[in-house]
Amino acid sequence: MEKTIEIDGKKIKLKSTGATALRYKAQFQQDFFNDLFKLVKGGKIEKDGTIDPSTIESMDFEFFYNYTWVLAKQADKEIPDPIEWLDGFDVFPIIDIIPEIQDLLYKTIQSKKK
């Protein structure tokens, strides 16, 4: 699945593939699903992408920065390493980005069974 979002006035193409979880692990040496489930335990994200303010202190937002980079890297193999890429933005409003990437996150973890 592909999607283009705007971050700091720049159009950023994102792509989720079957390799998303493996690319995340290869880049960050952490298991994608473990990080995701720690996040789910720590904070509550509503269906509309907003974050329950009572749980925000226990959330690790590094996951979202890393995951967004992985999605961007899959869409554009030329983007630099995560820190250099993030340095290319004056602002990176992760709270605004989370609702934009949640459908890609669901595609990464969802089952085809109904």
N, C-alpha and C. Protein backbone atom coordinates (compact mmCIF):
# COMPACT_ATOMS: atom_id res chain seq x y z
N MET A 1 0.84 -1.17 0.00
CA MET A 1 0.00 0.00 0.00
C MET A 1 0.89 1.24 0.00
N GLU A 2 0.53 2.22 -0.78
CA GLU A 2 1.27 3.46 -0.86
C GLU A 2 0.39 4.64 -0.53
N LYS A 3 1.03 5.67 0.00
CA LYS A 3 0.31 6.86 0.40
C LYS A 3 1.29 8.03 0.39
N THR A 4 0.82 9.20 0.06
CA THR A 4 1.64 10.41 0.13
C THR A 4 1.04 11.32 1.18
N ILE A 5 1.90 11.77 2.11
CA ILE A 5 1.46 12.69 3.14
C ILE A 5 2.34 13.93 3.09
N GLU A 6 1.91 14.98 3.76
CA GLU A 6 2.70 16.20 3.82
C GLU A 6 3.29 16.35 5.21
N ILE A 7 4.61 16.56 5.24
CA ILE A 7 5.32 16.80 6.49
C ILE A 7 6.15 18.06 6.28
N ASP A 8 5.92 19.07 7.09
CA ASP A 8 6.70 20.31 7.03
C ASP A 8 6.69 20.90 5.61
N GLY A 9 5.53 20.83 4.97
CA GLY A 9 5.39 21.39 3.63
C GLY A 9 5.96 20.55 2.51
N LYS A 10 6.47 19.36 2.82
CA LYS A 10 7.05 18.48 1.81
C LYS A 10 6.14 17.27 1.60
N LYS A 11 5.95 16.90 0.34
CA LYS A 11 5.20 15.69 0.01
C LYS A 11 6.11 14.50 0.22
N ILE A 12 5.70 13.58 1.10
CA ILE A 12 6.50 12.41 1.42
C ILE A 12 5.71 11.16 1.03
N LYS A 13 6.30 10.37 0.15
CA LYS A 13 5.67 9.13 -0.27
C LYS A 13 6.03 8.04 0.73
N LEU A 14 5.03 7.28 1.15
CA LEU A 14 5.20 6.18 2.10
C LEU A 14 4.70 4.89 1.46
N LYS A 15 5.33 3.78 1.82
CA LYS A 15 4.94 2.50 1.24
C LYS A 15 5.09 1.40 2.27
N SER A 16 4.04 0.61 2.41
CA SER A 16 4.06 -0.56 3.29
C SER A 16 4.11 -1.80 2.40
N THR A 17 5.04 -2.72 2.72
CA THR A 17 5.16 -3.95 1.93
C THR A 17 5.26 -5.14 2.89
N GLY A 18 5.37 -6.30 2.31
CA GLY A 18 5.56 -7.50 3.12
C GLY A 18 6.87 -7.49 3.89
N ALA A 19 7.80 -6.65 3.49
CA ALA A 19 9.11 -6.58 4.15
C ALA A 19 9.18 -5.51 5.23
N THR A 20 8.10 -4.82 5.49
CA THR A 20 8.13 -3.70 6.44
C THR A 20 8.71 -4.10 7.79
N ALA A 21 8.20 -5.16 8.38
CA ALA A 21 8.67 -5.57 9.71
C ALA A 21 10.15 -5.98 9.67
N LEU A 22 10.56 -6.64 8.60
CA LEU A 22 11.96 -7.06 8.48
C LEU A 22 12.89 -5.88 8.24
N ARG A 23 12.46 -4.91 7.45
CA ARG A 23 13.27 -3.71 7.22
C ARG A 23 13.43 -2.93 8.53
N TYR A 24 12.36 -2.85 9.31
CA TYR A 24 12.40 -2.18 10.61
C TYR A 24 13.46 -2.85 11.49
N LYS A 25 13.43 -4.17 11.56
CA LYS A 25 14.39 -4.90 12.39
C LYS A 25 15.81 -4.75 11.86
N ALA A 26 15.98 -4.80 10.56
CA ALA A 26 17.31 -4.66 9.97
C ALA A 26 17.91 -3.29 10.27
N GLN A 27 17.09 -2.26 10.24
CA GLN A 27 17.59 -0.90 10.47
C GLN A 27 17.80 -0.59 11.95
N PHE A 28 16.85 -1.01 12.79
CA PHE A 28 16.86 -0.56 14.19
C PHE A 28 17.25 -1.66 15.18
N GLN A 29 17.54 -2.86 14.69
CA GLN A 29 17.93 -3.99 15.54
C GLN A 29 16.92 -4.23 16.67
N GLN A 30 15.67 -3.99 16.38
CA GLN A 30 14.59 -4.24 17.33
C GLN A 30 13.45 -4.90 16.58
N ASP A 31 12.75 -5.79 17.27
CA ASP A 31 11.63 -6.47 16.63
C ASP A 31 10.44 -5.53 16.49
N PHE A 32 9.96 -5.40 15.27
CA PHE A 32 8.83 -4.52 14.97
C PHE A 32 7.62 -4.84 15.84
N PHE A 33 7.26 -6.10 15.91
CA PHE A 33 6.04 -6.48 16.63
C PHE A 33 6.19 -6.29 18.14
N ASN A 34 7.36 -6.57 18.69
CA ASN A 34 7.58 -6.30 20.11
C ASN A 34 7.44 -4.82 20.41
N ASP A 35 8.04 -3.98 19.58
CA ASP A 35 7.94 -2.54 19.78
C ASP A 35 6.50 -2.06 19.66
N LEU A 36 5.79 -2.60 18.68
CA LEU A 36 4.39 -2.22 18.49
C LEU A 36 3.54 -2.63 19.69
N PHE A 37 3.72 -3.85 20.17
CA PHE A 37 2.89 -4.31 21.28
C PHE A 37 3.24 -3.61 22.59
N LYS A 38 4.50 -3.21 22.77
CA LYS A 38 4.86 -2.39 23.93
C LYS A 38 4.13 -1.06 23.86
N LEU A 39 4.04 -0.52 22.66
CA LEU A 39 3.34 0.74 22.46
C LEU A 39 1.86 0.59 22.78
N VAL A 40 1.26 -0.48 22.32
CA VAL A 40 -0.16 -0.72 22.55
C VAL A 40 -0.43 -0.86 24.05
N LYS A 41 0.45 -1.52 24.77
CA LYS A 41 0.29 -1.66 26.22
C LYS A 41 0.46 -0.33 26.93
N GLY A 42 1.37 0.51 26.40
CA GLY A 42 1.71 1.75 27.09
C GLY A 42 0.75 2.89 26.86
N GLY A 43 0.21 3.01 25.69
CA GLY A 43 -0.65 4.14 25.38
C GLY A 43 -1.84 3.71 24.57
N LYS A 44 -2.86 4.50 24.61
CA LYS A 44 -4.08 4.16 23.89
C LYS A 44 -4.27 5.10 22.71
N ILE A 45 -4.33 4.52 21.52
CA ILE A 45 -4.59 5.27 20.31
C ILE A 45 -6.03 4.97 19.89
N GLU A 46 -6.80 6.02 19.76
CA GLU A 46 -8.21 5.86 19.39
C GLU A 46 -8.32 5.49 17.92
N LYS A 47 -9.50 5.03 17.50
CA LYS A 47 -9.72 4.62 16.11
C LYS A 47 -9.50 5.77 15.12
N ASP A 48 -9.73 7.00 15.57
CA ASP A 48 -9.53 8.15 14.67
C ASP A 48 -8.08 8.63 14.65
N GLY A 49 -7.19 7.92 15.35
CA GLY A 49 -5.78 8.26 15.34
C GLY A 49 -5.35 9.19 16.45
N THR A 50 -6.31 9.71 17.21
CA THR A 50 -5.94 10.58 18.33
C THR A 50 -5.42 9.72 19.48
N ILE A 51 -4.67 10.35 20.34
CA ILE A 51 -4.06 9.64 21.46
C ILE A 51 -4.76 10.04 22.74
N ASP A 52 -5.11 9.04 23.53
CA ASP A 52 -5.74 9.28 24.82
C ASP A 52 -4.74 10.04 25.70
N PRO A 53 -5.05 11.28 26.07
CA PRO A 53 -4.10 12.09 26.85
C PRO A 53 -3.68 11.46 28.17
N SER A 54 -4.52 10.63 28.75
CA SER A 54 -4.18 10.01 30.03
C SER A 54 -3.08 8.95 29.89
N THR A 55 -2.80 8.52 28.66
CA THR A 55 -1.78 7.49 28.45
C THR A 55 -0.53 8.00 27.73
N ILE A 56 -0.54 9.26 27.35
CA ILE A 56 0.54 9.78 26.51
C ILE A 56 1.91 9.70 27.17
N GLU A 57 1.98 9.86 28.48
CA GLU A 57 3.27 9.84 29.17
C GLU A 57 3.95 8.48 29.11
N SER A 58 3.17 7.41 28.96
CA SER A 58 3.75 6.07 28.95
C SER A 58 4.09 5.58 27.54
N MET A 59 3.84 6.41 26.52
CA MET A 59 4.09 5.99 25.14
C MET A 59 5.53 6.32 24.72
N ASP A 60 6.10 5.46 23.90
CA ASP A 60 7.43 5.67 23.35
C ASP A 60 7.25 6.10 21.89
N PHE A 61 7.39 7.38 21.63
CA PHE A 61 7.14 7.90 20.29
C PHE A 61 8.25 7.56 19.31
N GLU A 62 9.37 7.04 19.78
CA GLU A 62 10.46 6.65 18.89
C GLU A 62 9.97 5.63 17.86
N PHE A 63 9.06 4.75 18.27
CA PHE A 63 8.50 3.77 17.34
C PHE A 63 7.92 4.47 16.11
N PHE A 64 7.16 5.54 16.32
CA PHE A 64 6.51 6.21 15.20
C PHE A 64 7.51 6.91 14.29
N TYR A 65 8.56 7.49 14.85
CA TYR A 65 9.61 8.09 14.03
C TYR A 65 10.27 7.00 13.18
N ASN A 66 10.62 5.90 13.82
CA ASN A 66 11.28 4.79 13.11
C ASN A 66 10.38 4.19 12.05
N TYR A 67 9.13 3.95 12.41
CA TYR A 67 8.19 3.34 11.47
C TYR A 67 7.95 4.25 10.26
N THR A 68 7.82 5.54 10.50
CA THR A 68 7.61 6.48 9.40
C THR A 68 8.82 6.48 8.47
N TRP A 69 10.02 6.42 9.04
CA TRP A 69 11.23 6.35 8.21
C TRP A 69 11.21 5.09 7.34
N VAL A 70 10.86 3.94 7.94
CA VAL A 70 10.81 2.68 7.19
C VAL A 70 9.84 2.81 6.02
N LEU A 71 8.67 3.37 6.26
CA LEU A 71 7.69 3.54 5.18
C LEU A 71 8.24 4.44 4.08
N ALA A 72 8.93 5.51 4.46
CA ALA A 72 9.50 6.42 3.47
C ALA A 72 10.64 5.74 2.71
N LYS A 73 11.46 4.98 3.39
CA LYS A 73 12.58 4.29 2.76
C LYS A 73 12.09 3.26 1.75
N GLN A 74 11.00 2.59 2.07
CA GLN A 74 10.45 1.60 1.13
C GLN A 74 9.90 2.27 -0.12
N ALA A 75 9.45 3.51 0.02
CA ALA A 75 8.92 4.24 -1.13
C ALA A 75 10.03 4.92 -1.94
N ASP A 76 11.14 5.25 -1.25
CA ASP A 76 12.23 5.96 -1.91
C ASP A 76 13.56 5.45 -1.35
N LYS A 77 14.19 4.56 -2.07
CA LYS A 77 15.44 3.93 -1.61
C LYS A 77 16.58 4.93 -1.42
N GLU A 78 16.43 6.14 -1.95
CA GLU A 78 17.50 7.14 -1.89
C GLU A 78 17.49 7.98 -0.61
N ILE A 79 16.47 7.86 0.23
CA ILE A 79 16.47 8.70 1.44
C ILE A 79 17.62 8.27 2.35
N PRO A 80 18.18 9.22 3.09
CA PRO A 80 19.33 8.92 3.95
C PRO A 80 18.91 8.19 5.23
N ASP A 81 19.90 7.96 6.09
CA ASP A 81 19.63 7.29 7.36
C ASP A 81 18.60 8.09 8.17
N PRO A 82 17.98 7.47 9.17
CA PRO A 82 16.88 8.12 9.88
C PRO A 82 17.19 9.49 10.48
N ILE A 83 18.32 9.64 11.15
CA ILE A 83 18.64 10.92 11.78
C ILE A 83 18.83 12.01 10.73
N GLU A 84 19.57 11.70 9.68
CA GLU A 84 19.80 12.67 8.61
C GLU A 84 18.48 13.04 7.94
N TRP A 85 17.63 12.04 7.71
CA TRP A 85 16.33 12.30 7.08
C TRP A 85 15.48 13.21 7.96
N LEU A 86 15.41 12.91 9.25
CA LEU A 86 14.62 13.74 10.17
C LEU A 86 15.19 15.15 10.28
N ASP A 87 16.52 15.27 10.20
CA ASP A 87 17.14 16.59 10.23
C ASP A 87 16.74 17.45 9.03
N GLY A 88 16.22 16.84 8.00
CA GLY A 88 15.79 17.57 6.82
C GLY A 88 14.46 18.29 6.99
N PHE A 89 13.83 18.10 8.13
CA PHE A 89 12.55 18.76 8.42
C PHE A 89 12.76 19.79 9.54
N ASP A 90 12.17 20.97 9.39
CA ASP A 90 12.21 21.94 10.49
C ASP A 90 11.32 21.47 11.63
N VAL A 91 10.18 20.89 11.26
CA VAL A 91 9.26 20.30 12.25
C VAL A 91 8.83 18.94 11.75
N PHE A 92 8.59 18.05 12.67
CA PHE A 92 8.12 16.70 12.34
C PHE A 92 7.02 16.38 13.36
N PRO A 93 5.82 16.92 13.11
CA PRO A 93 4.74 16.84 14.10
C PRO A 93 4.16 15.42 14.22
N ILE A 94 4.84 14.59 15.00
CA ILE A 94 4.48 13.17 15.09
C ILE A 94 3.03 12.97 15.50
N ILE A 95 2.50 13.84 16.35
CA ILE A 95 1.09 13.72 16.76
C ILE A 95 0.16 13.88 15.56
N ASP A 96 0.53 14.72 14.61
CA ASP A 96 -0.27 14.89 13.39
C ASP A 96 -0.01 13.78 12.37
N ILE A 97 1.16 13.19 12.43
CA ILE A 97 1.55 12.15 11.47
C ILE A 97 0.92 10.80 11.82
N ILE A 98 0.77 10.52 13.09
CA ILE A 98 0.22 9.21 13.52
C ILE A 98 -1.10 8.89 12.82
N PRO A 99 -2.08 9.79 12.81
CA PRO A 99 -3.33 9.44 12.10
C PRO A 99 -3.12 9.19 10.61
N GLU A 100 -2.12 9.84 10.02
CA GLU A 100 -1.84 9.69 8.60
C GLU A 100 -1.23 8.33 8.26
N ILE A 101 -0.51 7.73 9.22
CA ILE A 101 0.16 6.46 8.94
C ILE A 101 -0.56 5.25 9.51
N GLN A 102 -1.63 5.48 10.27
CA GLN A 102 -2.27 4.34 10.93
C GLN A 102 -2.83 3.31 9.96
N ASP A 103 -3.33 3.73 8.80
CA ASP A 103 -3.84 2.75 7.85
C ASP A 103 -2.71 1.88 7.30
N LEU A 104 -1.52 2.45 7.13
CA LEU A 104 -0.37 1.66 6.70
C LEU A 104 0.06 0.69 7.80
N LEU A 105 -0.04 1.13 9.03
CA LEU A 105 0.28 0.26 10.16
C LEU A 105 -0.69 -0.91 10.22
N TYR A 106 -1.96 -0.65 10.04
CA TYR A 106 -2.95 -1.73 10.04
C TYR A 106 -2.68 -2.72 8.92
N LYS A 107 -2.28 -2.21 7.75
CA LYS A 107 -1.99 -3.10 6.62
C LYS A 107 -0.79 -3.99 6.92
N THR A 108 0.14 -3.49 7.72
CA THR A 108 1.33 -4.27 8.08
C THR A 108 0.97 -5.44 8.99
N ILE A 109 -0.03 -5.27 9.85
CA ILE A 109 -0.32 -6.29 10.86
C ILE A 109 -1.62 -7.05 10.65
N GLN A 110 -2.47 -6.61 9.76
CA GLN A 110 -3.79 -7.23 9.63
C GLN A 110 -3.74 -8.59 8.96
N SER A 111 -4.75 -9.37 9.25
CA SER A 111 -4.92 -10.69 8.65
C SER A 111 -5.91 -10.57 7.50
N LYS A 112 -5.77 -11.44 6.52
CA LYS A 112 -6.72 -11.47 5.40
C LYS A 112 -8.00 -12.20 5.78
N LYS A 113 -7.95 -13.00 6.86
CA LYS A 113 -9.14 -13.74 7.27
C LYS A 113 -10.19 -12.81 7.82
N LYS A 114 -11.43 -13.12 7.52
CA LYS A 114 -12.55 -12.30 8.01
C LYS A 114 -13.46 -13.14 8.84
